[in-house]
Amino acid sequence: LHQKNEKIDSITYAGNGEPTIHPEFE
């Protein structure tokens, strides 16, 4: 994405449920 010079306003945890469930979230 950096090579493509992509514009990104937010890197966002979202997806298929609750992201903080992941045991290695930190």
mmCIF file of all heavy atoms, coordinates in Angstrom:
data_MODEL
# 
_entry.id   MODEL 
# 
loop_
_atom_site.group_PDB 
_atom_site.id 
_atom_site.type_symbol 
_atom_site.label_atom_id 
_atom_site.label_alt_id 
_atom_site.label_comp_id 
_atom_site.label_asym_id 
_atom_site.label_entity_id 
_atom_site.label_seq_id 
_atom_site.pdbx_PDB_ins_code 
_atom_site.Cartn_x 
_atom_site.Cartn_y 
_atom_site.Cartn_z 
_atom_site.occupancy 
_atom_site.B_iso_or_equiv 
_atom_site.pdbx_formal_charge 
_atom_site.auth_seq_id 
_atom_site.auth_comp_id 
_atom_site.auth_asym_id 
_atom_site.auth_atom_id 
_atom_site.pdbx_PDB_model_num 
ATOM 1   N N   . LEU A 1 1  ? 0.830   -1.208  0.000  1.00 0.00 ? 1  LEU A N   1 
ATOM 2   C CA  . LEU A 1 1  ? 0.000   0.000   0.000  1.00 0.00 ? 1  LEU A CA  1 
ATOM 3   C C   . LEU A 1 1  ? 0.859   1.250   0.000  1.00 0.00 ? 1  LEU A C   1 
ATOM 4   O O   . LEU A 1 1  ? 0.531   2.257   -0.638 1.00 0.00 ? 1  LEU A O   1 
ATOM 5   C CB  . LEU A 1 1  ? -0.927  -0.006  1.217  1.00 0.00 ? 1  LEU A CB  1 
ATOM 6   C CG  . LEU A 1 1  ? -2.059  -1.033  1.174  1.00 0.00 ? 1  LEU A CG  1 
ATOM 7   C CD1 . LEU A 1 1  ? -2.673  -1.198  2.560  1.00 0.00 ? 1  LEU A CD1 1 
ATOM 8   C CD2 . LEU A 1 1  ? -3.129  -0.618  0.168  1.00 0.00 ? 1  LEU A CD2 1 
ATOM 9   N N   . HIS A 1 2  ? 1.974   1.194   0.718  1.00 0.00 ? 2  HIS A N   1 
ATOM 10  C CA  . HIS A 1 2  ? 2.899   2.335   0.731  1.00 0.00 ? 2  HIS A CA  1 
ATOM 11  C C   . HIS A 1 2  ? 3.512   2.548   -0.653 1.00 0.00 ? 2  HIS A C   1 
ATOM 12  O O   . HIS A 1 2  ? 3.624   3.694   -1.122 1.00 0.00 ? 2  HIS A O   1 
ATOM 13  C CB  . HIS A 1 2  ? 3.999   2.079   1.770  1.00 0.00 ? 2  HIS A CB  1 
ATOM 14  C CG  . HIS A 1 2  ? 5.024   3.160   1.839  1.00 0.00 ? 2  HIS A CG  1 
ATOM 15  N ND1 . HIS A 1 2  ? 4.771   4.412   2.359  1.00 0.00 ? 2  HIS A ND1 1 
ATOM 16  C CD2 . HIS A 1 2  ? 6.319   3.181   1.438  1.00 0.00 ? 2  HIS A CD2 1 
ATOM 17  C CE1 . HIS A 1 2  ? 5.860   5.149   2.296  1.00 0.00 ? 2  HIS A CE1 1 
ATOM 18  N NE2 . HIS A 1 2  ? 6.813   4.424   1.735  1.00 0.00 ? 2  HIS A NE2 1 
ATOM 19  N N   . GLN A 1 3  ? 3.884   1.476   -1.323 1.00 0.00 ? 3  GLN A N   1 
ATOM 20  C CA  . GLN A 1 3  ? 4.451   1.582   -2.666 1.00 0.00 ? 3  GLN A CA  1 
ATOM 21  C C   . GLN A 1 3  ? 3.453   2.172   -3.655 1.00 0.00 ? 3  GLN A C   1 
ATOM 22  O O   . GLN A 1 3  ? 3.825   2.890   -4.580 1.00 0.00 ? 3  GLN A O   1 
ATOM 23  C CB  . GLN A 1 3  ? 4.916   0.201   -3.144 1.00 0.00 ? 3  GLN A CB  1 
ATOM 24  C CG  . GLN A 1 3  ? 6.134   -0.330  -2.398 1.00 0.00 ? 3  GLN A CG  1 
ATOM 25  C CD  . GLN A 1 3  ? 6.434   -1.781  -2.736 1.00 0.00 ? 3  GLN A CD  1 
ATOM 26  O OE1 . GLN A 1 3  ? 5.778   -2.395  -3.578 1.00 0.00 ? 3  GLN A OE1 1 
ATOM 27  N NE2 . GLN A 1 3  ? 7.435   -2.351  -2.060 1.00 0.00 ? 3  GLN A NE2 1 
ATOM 28  N N   . LYS A 1 4  ? 2.175   1.882   -3.445 1.00 0.00 ? 4  LYS A N   1 
ATOM 29  C CA  . LYS A 1 4  ? 1.118   2.409   -4.312 1.00 0.00 ? 4  LYS A CA  1 
ATOM 30  C C   . LYS A 1 4  ? 0.717   3.833   -3.938 1.00 0.00 ? 4  LYS A C   1 
ATOM 31  O O   . LYS A 1 4  ? -0.137  4.430   -4.591 1.00 0.00 ? 4  LYS A O   1 
ATOM 32  C CB  . LYS A 1 4  ? -0.109  1.500   -4.248 1.00 0.00 ? 4  LYS A CB  1 
ATOM 33  C CG  . LYS A 1 4  ? 0.088   0.134   -4.868 1.00 0.00 ? 4  LYS A CG  1 
ATOM 34  C CD  . LYS A 1 4  ? -1.045  -0.815  -4.511 1.00 0.00 ? 4  LYS A CD  1 
ATOM 35  C CE  . LYS A 1 4  ? -2.388  -0.299  -4.990 1.00 0.00 ? 4  LYS A CE  1 
ATOM 36  N NZ  . LYS A 1 4  ? -3.477  -1.269  -4.662 1.00 0.00 ? 4  LYS A NZ  1 
ATOM 37  N N   . ASN A 1 5  ? 1.326   4.348   -2.861 1.00 0.00 ? 5  ASN A N   1 
ATOM 38  C CA  . ASN A 1 5  ? 0.998   5.697   -2.375 1.00 0.00 ? 5  ASN A CA  1 
ATOM 39  C C   . ASN A 1 5  ? -0.500  5.817   -2.038 1.00 0.00 ? 5  ASN A C   1 
ATOM 40  O O   . ASN A 1 5  ? -1.145  6.826   -2.323 1.00 0.00 ? 5  ASN A O   1 
ATOM 41  C CB  . ASN A 1 5  ? 1.394   6.758   -3.405 1.00 0.00 ? 5  ASN A CB  1 
ATOM 42  C CG  . ASN A 1 5  ? 1.525   8.143   -2.781 1.00 0.00 ? 5  ASN A CG  1 
ATOM 43  O OD1 . ASN A 1 5  ? 1.843   8.275   -1.588 1.00 0.00 ? 5  ASN A OD1 1 
ATOM 44  N ND2 . ASN A 1 5  ? 1.273   9.174   -3.567 1.00 0.00 ? 5  ASN A ND2 1 
ATOM 45  N N   . GLU A 1 6  ? -1.029  4.759   -1.450 1.00 0.00 ? 6  GLU A N   1 
ATOM 46  C CA  . GLU A 1 6  ? -2.444  4.706   -1.089 1.00 0.00 ? 6  GLU A CA  1 
ATOM 47  C C   . GLU A 1 6  ? -2.749  5.690   0.041  1.00 0.00 ? 6  GLU A C   1 
ATOM 48  O O   . GLU A 1 6  ? -1.984  5.813   1.003  1.00 0.00 ? 6  GLU A O   1 
ATOM 49  C CB  . GLU A 1 6  ? -2.805  3.302   -0.628 1.00 0.00 ? 6  GLU A CB  1 
ATOM 50  C CG  . GLU A 1 6  ? -4.277  3.030   -0.507 1.00 0.00 ? 6  GLU A CG  1 
ATOM 51  C CD  . GLU A 1 6  ? -4.945  2.703   -1.822 1.00 0.00 ? 6  GLU A CD  1 
ATOM 52  O OE1 . GLU A 1 6  ? -4.409  1.870   -2.573 1.00 0.00 ? 6  GLU A OE1 1 
ATOM 53  O OE2 . GLU A 1 6  ? -5.996  3.293   -2.094 1.00 0.00 ? 6  GLU A OE2 1 
ATOM 54  N N   . LYS A 1 7  ? -3.871  6.384   -0.080 1.00 0.00 ? 7  LYS A N   1 
ATOM 55  C CA  . LYS A 1 7  ? -4.296  7.310   0.974  1.00 0.00 ? 7  LYS A CA  1 
ATOM 56  C C   . LYS A 1 7  ? -5.136  6.537   1.994  1.00 0.00 ? 7  LYS A C   1 
ATOM 57  O O   . LYS A 1 7  ? -6.141  5.929   1.647  1.00 0.00 ? 7  LYS A O   1 
ATOM 58  C CB  . LYS A 1 7  ? -5.120  8.470   0.405  1.00 0.00 ? 7  LYS A CB  1 
ATOM 59  C CG  . LYS A 1 7  ? -5.586  9.474   1.451  1.00 0.00 ? 7  LYS A CG  1 
ATOM 60  C CD  . LYS A 1 7  ? -6.435  10.571  0.822  1.00 0.00 ? 7  LYS A CD  1 
ATOM 61  C CE  . LYS A 1 7  ? -6.837  11.615  1.861  1.00 0.00 ? 7  LYS A CE  1 
ATOM 62  N NZ  . LYS A 1 7  ? -7.706  11.065  2.926  1.00 0.00 ? 7  LYS A NZ  1 
ATOM 63  N N   . ILE A 1 8  ? -4.719  6.575   3.242  1.00 0.00 ? 8  ILE A N   1 
ATOM 64  C CA  . ILE A 1 8  ? -5.435  5.874   4.309  1.00 0.00 ? 8  ILE A CA  1 
ATOM 65  C C   . ILE A 1 8  ? -5.654  6.840   5.464  1.00 0.00 ? 8  ILE A C   1 
ATOM 66  O O   . ILE A 1 8  ? -4.697  7.396   6.006  1.00 0.00 ? 8  ILE A O   1 
ATOM 67  C CB  . ILE A 1 8  ? -4.658  4.630   4.782  1.00 0.00 ? 8  ILE A CB  1 
ATOM 68  C CG1 . ILE A 1 8  ? -4.459  3.649   3.628  1.00 0.00 ? 8  ILE A CG1 1 
ATOM 69  C CG2 . ILE A 1 8  ? -5.380  3.943   5.943  1.00 0.00 ? 8  ILE A CG2 1 
ATOM 70  C CD1 . ILE A 1 8  ? -3.537  2.497   3.961  1.00 0.00 ? 8  ILE A CD1 1 
ATOM 71  N N   . ASP A 1 9  ? -6.910  7.037   5.824  1.00 0.00 ? 9  ASP A N   1 
ATOM 72  C CA  . ASP A 1 9  ? -7.230  7.919   6.944  1.00 0.00 ? 9  ASP A CA  1 
ATOM 73  C C   . ASP A 1 9  ? -7.194  7.184   8.276  1.00 0.00 ? 9  ASP A C   1 
ATOM 74  O O   . ASP A 1 9  ? -6.832  7.755   9.308  1.00 0.00 ? 9  ASP A O   1 
ATOM 75  C CB  . ASP A 1 9  ? -8.628  8.537   6.759  1.00 0.00 ? 9  ASP A CB  1 
ATOM 76  C CG  . ASP A 1 9  ? -8.718  9.405   5.515  1.00 0.00 ? 9  ASP A CG  1 
ATOM 77  O OD1 . ASP A 1 9  ? -7.837  10.266  5.341  1.00 0.00 ? 9  ASP A OD1 1 
ATOM 78  O OD2 . ASP A 1 9  ? -9.658  9.218   4.716  1.00 0.00 ? 9  ASP A OD2 1 
ATOM 79  N N   . SER A 1 10 ? -7.594  5.917   8.257  1.00 0.00 ? 10 SER A N   1 
ATOM 80  C CA  . SER A 1 10 ? -7.634  5.145   9.498  1.00 0.00 ? 10 SER A CA  1 
ATOM 81  C C   . SER A 1 10 ? -7.277  3.692   9.223  1.00 0.00 ? 10 SER A C   1 
ATOM 82  O O   . SER A 1 10 ? -7.748  3.097   8.257  1.00 0.00 ? 10 SER A O   1 
ATOM 83  C CB  . SER A 1 10 ? -9.036  5.213   10.115 1.00 0.00 ? 10 SER A CB  1 
ATOM 84  O OG  . SER A 1 10 ? -9.127  4.381   11.261 1.00 0.00 ? 10 SER A OG  1 
ATOM 85  N N   . ILE A 1 11 ? -6.426  3.144   10.074 1.00 0.00 ? 11 ILE A N   1 
ATOM 86  C CA  . ILE A 1 11 ? -6.185  1.696   10.117 1.00 0.00 ? 11 ILE A CA  1 
ATOM 87  C C   . ILE A 1 11 ? -7.113  1.183   11.199 1.00 0.00 ? 11 ILE A C   1 
ATOM 88  O O   . ILE A 1 11 ? -6.990  1.562   12.367 1.00 0.00 ? 11 ILE A O   1 
ATOM 89  C CB  . ILE A 1 11 ? -4.717  1.401   10.457 1.00 0.00 ? 11 ILE A CB  1 
ATOM 90  C CG1 . ILE A 1 11 ? -3.792  1.983   9.370  1.00 0.00 ? 11 ILE A CG1 1 
ATOM 91  C CG2 . ILE A 1 11 ? -4.493  -0.097  10.617 1.00 0.00 ? 11 ILE A CG2 1 
ATOM 92  C CD1 . ILE A 1 11 ? -2.359  2.133   9.819  1.00 0.00 ? 11 ILE A CD1 1 
ATOM 93  N N   . THR A 1 12 ? -8.064  0.332   10.814 1.00 0.00 ? 12 THR A N   1 
ATOM 94  C CA  . THR A 1 12 ? -9.213  0.079   11.676 1.00 0.00 ? 12 THR A CA  1 
ATOM 95  C C   . THR A 1 12 ? -9.406  -1.400  12.000 1.00 0.00 ? 12 THR A C   1 
ATOM 96  O O   . THR A 1 12 ? -9.641  -2.221  11.116 1.00 0.00 ? 12 THR A O   1 
ATOM 97  C CB  . THR A 1 12 ? -10.504 0.603   11.005 1.00 0.00 ? 12 THR A CB  1 
ATOM 98  O OG1 . THR A 1 12 ? -10.320 1.965   10.613 1.00 0.00 ? 12 THR A OG1 1 
ATOM 99  C CG2 . THR A 1 12 ? -11.682 0.500   11.958 1.00 0.00 ? 12 THR A CG2 1 
ATOM 100 N N   . TYR A 1 13 ? -9.326  -1.718  13.297 1.00 0.00 ? 13 TYR A N   1 
ATOM 101 C CA  . TYR A 1 13 ? -9.761  -3.036  13.752 1.00 0.00 ? 13 TYR A CA  1 
ATOM 102 C C   . TYR A 1 13 ? -11.273 -3.128  13.587 1.00 0.00 ? 13 TYR A C   1 
ATOM 103 O O   . TYR A 1 13 ? -12.029 -2.365  14.196 1.00 0.00 ? 13 TYR A O   1 
ATOM 104 C CB  . TYR A 1 13 ? -9.445  -3.230  15.223 1.00 0.00 ? 13 TYR A CB  1 
ATOM 105 C CG  . TYR A 1 13 ? -8.031  -3.576  15.573 1.00 0.00 ? 13 TYR A CG  1 
ATOM 106 C CD1 . TYR A 1 13 ? -7.259  -2.716  16.346 1.00 0.00 ? 13 TYR A CD1 1 
ATOM 107 C CD2 . TYR A 1 13 ? -7.472  -4.787  15.184 1.00 0.00 ? 13 TYR A CD2 1 
ATOM 108 C CE1 . TYR A 1 13 ? -5.964  -3.046  16.729 1.00 0.00 ? 13 TYR A CE1 1 
ATOM 109 C CE2 . TYR A 1 13 ? -6.177  -5.129  15.546 1.00 0.00 ? 13 TYR A CE2 1 
ATOM 110 C CZ  . TYR A 1 13 ? -5.426  -4.258  16.323 1.00 0.00 ? 13 TYR A CZ  1 
ATOM 111 O OH  . TYR A 1 13 ? -4.148  -4.598  16.677 1.00 0.00 ? 13 TYR A OH  1 
ATOM 112 N N   . ALA A 1 14 ? -11.718 -4.056  12.785 1.00 0.00 ? 14 ALA A N   1 
ATOM 113 C CA  . ALA A 1 14 ? -13.148 -4.267  12.577 1.00 0.00 ? 14 ALA A CA  1 
ATOM 114 C C   . ALA A 1 14 ? -13.331 -5.767  12.341 1.00 0.00 ? 14 ALA A C   1 
ATOM 115 O O   . ALA A 1 14 ? -12.912 -6.580  13.141 1.00 0.00 ? 14 ALA A O   1 
ATOM 116 C CB  . ALA A 1 14 ? -13.660 -3.421  11.413 1.00 0.00 ? 14 ALA A CB  1 
ATOM 117 N N   . GLY A 1 15 ? -13.972 -6.152  11.243 1.00 0.00 ? 15 GLY A N   1 
ATOM 118 C CA  . GLY A 1 15 ? -14.017 -7.555  10.867 1.00 0.00 ? 15 GLY A CA  1 
ATOM 119 C C   . GLY A 1 15 ? -15.183 -8.319  11.443 1.00 0.00 ? 15 GLY A C   1 
ATOM 120 O O   . GLY A 1 15 ? -16.230 -7.760  11.762 1.00 0.00 ? 15 GLY A O   1 
ATOM 121 N N   . ASN A 1 16 ? -14.992 -9.628  11.614 1.00 0.00 ? 16 ASN A N   1 
ATOM 122 C CA  . ASN A 1 16 ? -16.087 -10.565 11.855 1.00 0.00 ? 16 ASN A CA  1 
ATOM 123 C C   . ASN A 1 16 ? -16.351 -10.817 13.338 1.00 0.00 ? 16 ASN A C   1 
ATOM 124 O O   . ASN A 1 16 ? -16.369 -11.953 13.806 1.00 0.00 ? 16 ASN A O   1 
ATOM 125 C CB  . ASN A 1 16 ? -15.799 -11.884 11.143 1.00 0.00 ? 16 ASN A CB  1 
ATOM 126 C CG  . ASN A 1 16 ? -15.619 -11.697 9.649  1.00 0.00 ? 16 ASN A CG  1 
ATOM 127 O OD1 . ASN A 1 16 ? -16.125 -10.750 9.068  1.00 0.00 ? 16 ASN A OD1 1 
ATOM 128 N ND2 . ASN A 1 16 ? -14.891 -12.603 9.020  1.00 0.00 ? 16 ASN A ND2 1 
ATOM 129 N N   . GLY A 1 17 ? -16.556 -9.752  14.090 1.00 0.00 ? 17 GLY A N   1 
ATOM 130 C CA  . GLY A 1 17 ? -16.847 -9.895  15.507 1.00 0.00 ? 17 GLY A CA  1 
ATOM 131 C C   . GLY A 1 17 ? -16.037 -8.928  16.350 1.00 0.00 ? 17 GLY A C   1 
ATOM 132 O O   . GLY A 1 17 ? -15.730 -7.816  15.924 1.00 0.00 ? 17 GLY A O   1 
ATOM 133 N N   . GLU A 1 18 ? -15.668 -9.352  17.550 1.00 0.00 ? 18 GLU A N   1 
ATOM 134 C CA  . GLU A 1 18 ? -14.974 -8.490  18.502 1.00 0.00 ? 18 GLU A CA  1 
ATOM 135 C C   . GLU A 1 18 ? -13.459 -8.693  18.423 1.00 0.00 ? 18 GLU A C   1 
ATOM 136 O O   . GLU A 1 18 ? -12.939 -9.747  18.808 1.00 0.00 ? 18 GLU A O   1 
ATOM 137 C CB  . GLU A 1 18 ? -15.469 -8.774  19.927 1.00 0.00 ? 18 GLU A CB  1 
ATOM 138 C CG  . GLU A 1 18 ? -14.724 -8.044  21.027 1.00 0.00 ? 18 GLU A CG  1 
ATOM 139 C CD  . GLU A 1 18 ? -14.649 -6.541  20.814 1.00 0.00 ? 18 GLU A CD  1 
ATOM 140 O OE1 . GLU A 1 18 ? -15.633 -5.941  20.307 1.00 0.00 ? 18 GLU A OE1 1 
ATOM 141 O OE2 . GLU A 1 18 ? -13.603 -5.955  21.142 1.00 0.00 ? 18 GLU A OE2 1 
ATOM 142 N N   . PRO A 1 19 ? -12.704 -7.705  17.935 1.00 0.00 ? 19 PRO A N   1 
ATOM 143 C CA  . PRO A 1 19 ? -11.268 -7.894  17.722 1.00 0.00 ? 19 PRO A CA  1 
ATOM 144 C C   . PRO A 1 19 ? -10.468 -8.132  18.997 1.00 0.00 ? 19 PRO A C   1 
ATOM 145 O O   . PRO A 1 19 ? -9.459  -8.833  18.973 1.00 0.00 ? 19 PRO A O   1 
ATOM 146 C CB  . PRO A 1 19 ? -10.837 -6.593  17.032 1.00 0.00 ? 19 PRO A CB  1 
ATOM 147 C CG  . PRO A 1 19 ? -11.889 -5.599  17.380 1.00 0.00 ? 19 PRO A CG  1 
ATOM 148 C CD  . PRO A 1 19 ? -13.160 -6.376  17.488 1.00 0.00 ? 19 PRO A CD  1 
ATOM 149 N N   . THR A 1 20 ? -10.922 -7.563  20.124 1.00 0.00 ? 20 THR A N   1 
ATOM 150 C CA  . THR A 1 20 ? -10.131 -7.683  21.346 1.00 0.00 ? 20 THR A CA  1 
ATOM 151 C C   . THR A 1 20 ? -10.222 -9.067  21.992 1.00 0.00 ? 20 THR A C   1 
ATOM 152 O O   . THR A 1 20 ? -9.552  -9.327  22.995 1.00 0.00 ? 20 THR A O   1 
ATOM 153 C CB  . THR A 1 20 ? -10.543 -6.611  22.368 1.00 0.00 ? 20 THR A CB  1 
ATOM 154 O OG1 . THR A 1 20 ? -11.909 -6.808  22.749 1.00 0.00 ? 20 THR A OG1 1 
ATOM 155 C CG2 . THR A 1 20 ? -10.392 -5.217  21.793 1.00 0.00 ? 20 THR A CG2 1 
ATOM 156 N N   . ILE A 1 21 ? -11.030 -9.945  21.421 1.00 0.00 ? 21 ILE A N   1 
ATOM 157 C CA  . ILE A 1 21 ? -11.036 -11.347 21.873 1.00 0.00 ? 21 ILE A CA  1 
ATOM 158 C C   . ILE A 1 21 ? -9.664  -11.995 21.683 1.00 0.00 ? 21 ILE A C   1 
ATOM 159 O O   . ILE A 1 21 ? -9.268  -12.868 22.447 1.00 0.00 ? 21 ILE A O   1 
ATOM 160 C CB  . ILE A 1 21 ? -12.093 -12.161 21.088 1.00 0.00 ? 21 ILE A CB  1 
ATOM 161 C CG1 . ILE A 1 21 ? -13.494 -11.828 21.579 1.00 0.00 ? 21 ILE A CG1 1 
ATOM 162 C CG2 . ILE A 1 21 ? -11.856 -13.653 21.203 1.00 0.00 ? 21 ILE A CG2 1 
ATOM 163 C CD1 . ILE A 1 21 ? -14.578 -12.514 20.780 1.00 0.00 ? 21 ILE A CD1 1 
ATOM 164 N N   . HIS A 1 22 ? -8.933  -11.552 20.663 1.00 0.00 ? 22 HIS A N   1 
ATOM 165 C CA  . HIS A 1 22 ? -7.681  -12.230 20.300 1.00 0.00 ? 22 HIS A CA  1 
ATOM 166 C C   . HIS A 1 22 ? -6.718  -12.228 21.491 1.00 0.00 ? 22 HIS A C   1 
ATOM 167 O O   . HIS A 1 22 ? -6.450  -11.181 22.082 1.00 0.00 ? 22 HIS A O   1 
ATOM 168 C CB  . HIS A 1 22 ? -7.017  -11.544 19.108 1.00 0.00 ? 22 HIS A CB  1 
ATOM 169 C CG  . HIS A 1 22 ? -6.049  -12.434 18.397 1.00 0.00 ? 22 HIS A CG  1 
ATOM 170 N ND1 . HIS A 1 22 ? -4.844  -12.806 18.952 1.00 0.00 ? 22 HIS A ND1 1 
ATOM 171 C CD2 . HIS A 1 22 ? -6.115  -13.063 17.189 1.00 0.00 ? 22 HIS A CD2 1 
ATOM 172 C CE1 . HIS A 1 22 ? -4.211  -13.604 18.114 1.00 0.00 ? 22 HIS A CE1 1 
ATOM 173 N NE2 . HIS A 1 22 ? -4.956  -13.774 17.038 1.00 0.00 ? 22 HIS A NE2 1 
ATOM 174 N N   . PRO A 1 23 ? -6.183  -13.387 21.872 1.00 0.00 ? 23 PRO A N   1 
ATOM 175 C CA  . PRO A 1 23 ? -5.304  -13.456 23.046 1.00 0.00 ? 23 PRO A CA  1 
ATOM 176 C C   . PRO A 1 23 ? -3.990  -12.700 22.877 1.00 0.00 ? 23 PRO A C   1 
ATOM 177 O O   . PRO A 1 23 ? -3.330  -12.391 23.876 1.00 0.00 ? 23 PRO A O   1 
ATOM 178 C CB  . PRO A 1 23 ? -5.060  -14.957 23.218 1.00 0.00 ? 23 PRO A CB  1 
ATOM 179 C CG  . PRO A 1 23 ? -5.327  -15.552 21.880 1.00 0.00 ? 23 PRO A CG  1 
ATOM 180 C CD  . PRO A 1 23 ? -6.413  -14.709 21.274 1.00 0.00 ? 23 PRO A CD  1 
ATOM 181 N N   . GLU A 1 24 ? -3.603  -12.408 21.622 1.00 0.00 ? 24 GLU A N   1 
ATOM 182 C CA  . GLU A 1 24 ? -2.365  -11.661 21.368 1.00 0.00 ? 24 GLU A CA  1 
ATOM 183 C C   . GLU A 1 24 ? -2.687  -10.249 20.855 1.00 0.00 ? 24 GLU A C   1 
ATOM 184 O O   . GLU A 1 24 ? -1.902  -9.663  20.113 1.00 0.00 ? 24 GLU A O   1 
ATOM 185 C CB  . GLU A 1 24 ? -1.515  -12.414 20.348 1.00 0.00 ? 24 GLU A CB  1 
ATOM 186 C CG  . GLU A 1 24 ? -1.050  -13.779 20.832 1.00 0.00 ? 24 GLU A CG  1 
ATOM 187 C CD  . GLU A 1 24 ? -0.291  -14.539 19.770 1.00 0.00 ? 24 GLU A CD  1 
ATOM 188 O OE1 . GLU A 1 24 ? -0.932  -15.056 18.836 1.00 0.00 ? 24 GLU A OE1 1 
ATOM 189 O OE2 . GLU A 1 24 ? 0.952   -14.610 19.876 1.00 0.00 ? 24 GLU A OE2 1 
ATOM 190 N N   . PHE A 1 25 ? -3.809  -9.714  21.285 1.00 0.00 ? 25 PHE A N   1 
ATOM 191 C CA  . PHE A 1 25 ? -4.256  -8.418  20.789 1.00 0.00 ? 25 PHE A CA  1 
ATOM 192 C C   . PHE A 1 25 ? -3.221  -7.321  21.031 1.00 0.00 ? 25 PHE A C   1 
ATOM 193 O O   . PHE A 1 25 ? -2.950  -6.507  20.143 1.00 0.00 ? 25 PHE A O   1 
ATOM 194 C CB  . PHE A 1 25 ? -5.588  -8.029  21.435 1.00 0.00 ? 25 PHE A CB  1 
ATOM 195 C CG  . PHE A 1 25 ? -6.152  -6.731  20.952 1.00 0.00 ? 25 PHE A CG  1 
ATOM 196 C CD1 . PHE A 1 25 ? -6.723  -6.642  19.694 1.00 0.00 ? 25 PHE A CD1 1 
ATOM 197 C CD2 . PHE A 1 25 ? -6.099  -5.598  21.747 1.00 0.00 ? 25 PHE A CD2 1 
ATOM 198 C CE1 . PHE A 1 25 ? -7.228  -5.433  19.222 1.00 0.00 ? 25 PHE A CE1 1 
ATOM 199 C CE2 . PHE A 1 25 ? -6.614  -4.385  21.289 1.00 0.00 ? 25 PHE A CE2 1 
ATOM 200 C CZ  . PHE A 1 25 ? -7.183  -4.310  20.030 1.00 0.00 ? 25 PHE A CZ  1 
ATOM 201 N N   . GLU A 1 26 ? -2.608  -7.293  22.197 1.00 0.00 ? 26 GLU A N   1 
ATOM 202 C CA  . GLU A 1 26 ? -1.639  -6.236  22.478 1.00 0.00 ? 26 GLU A CA  1 
ATOM 203 C C   . GLU A 1 26 ? -0.385  -6.400  21.619 1.00 0.00 ? 26 GLU A C   1 
ATOM 204 O O   . GLU A 1 26 ? 0.146   -5.410  21.094 1.00 0.00 ? 26 GLU A O   1 
ATOM 205 C CB  . GLU A 1 26 ? -1.261  -6.216  23.949 1.00 0.00 ? 26 GLU A CB  1 
ATOM 206 C CG  . GLU A 1 26 ? -0.347  -5.037  24.290 1.00 0.00 ? 26 GLU A CG  1 
ATOM 207 C CD  . GLU A 1 26 ? -0.141  -4.825  25.771 1.00 0.00 ? 26 GLU A CD  1 
ATOM 208 O OE1 . GLU A 1 26 ? -0.233  -5.808  26.550 1.00 0.00 ? 26 GLU A OE1 1 
ATOM 209 O OE2 . GLU A 1 26 ? 0.123   -3.672  26.172 1.00 0.00 ? 26 GLU A OE2 1 
# 
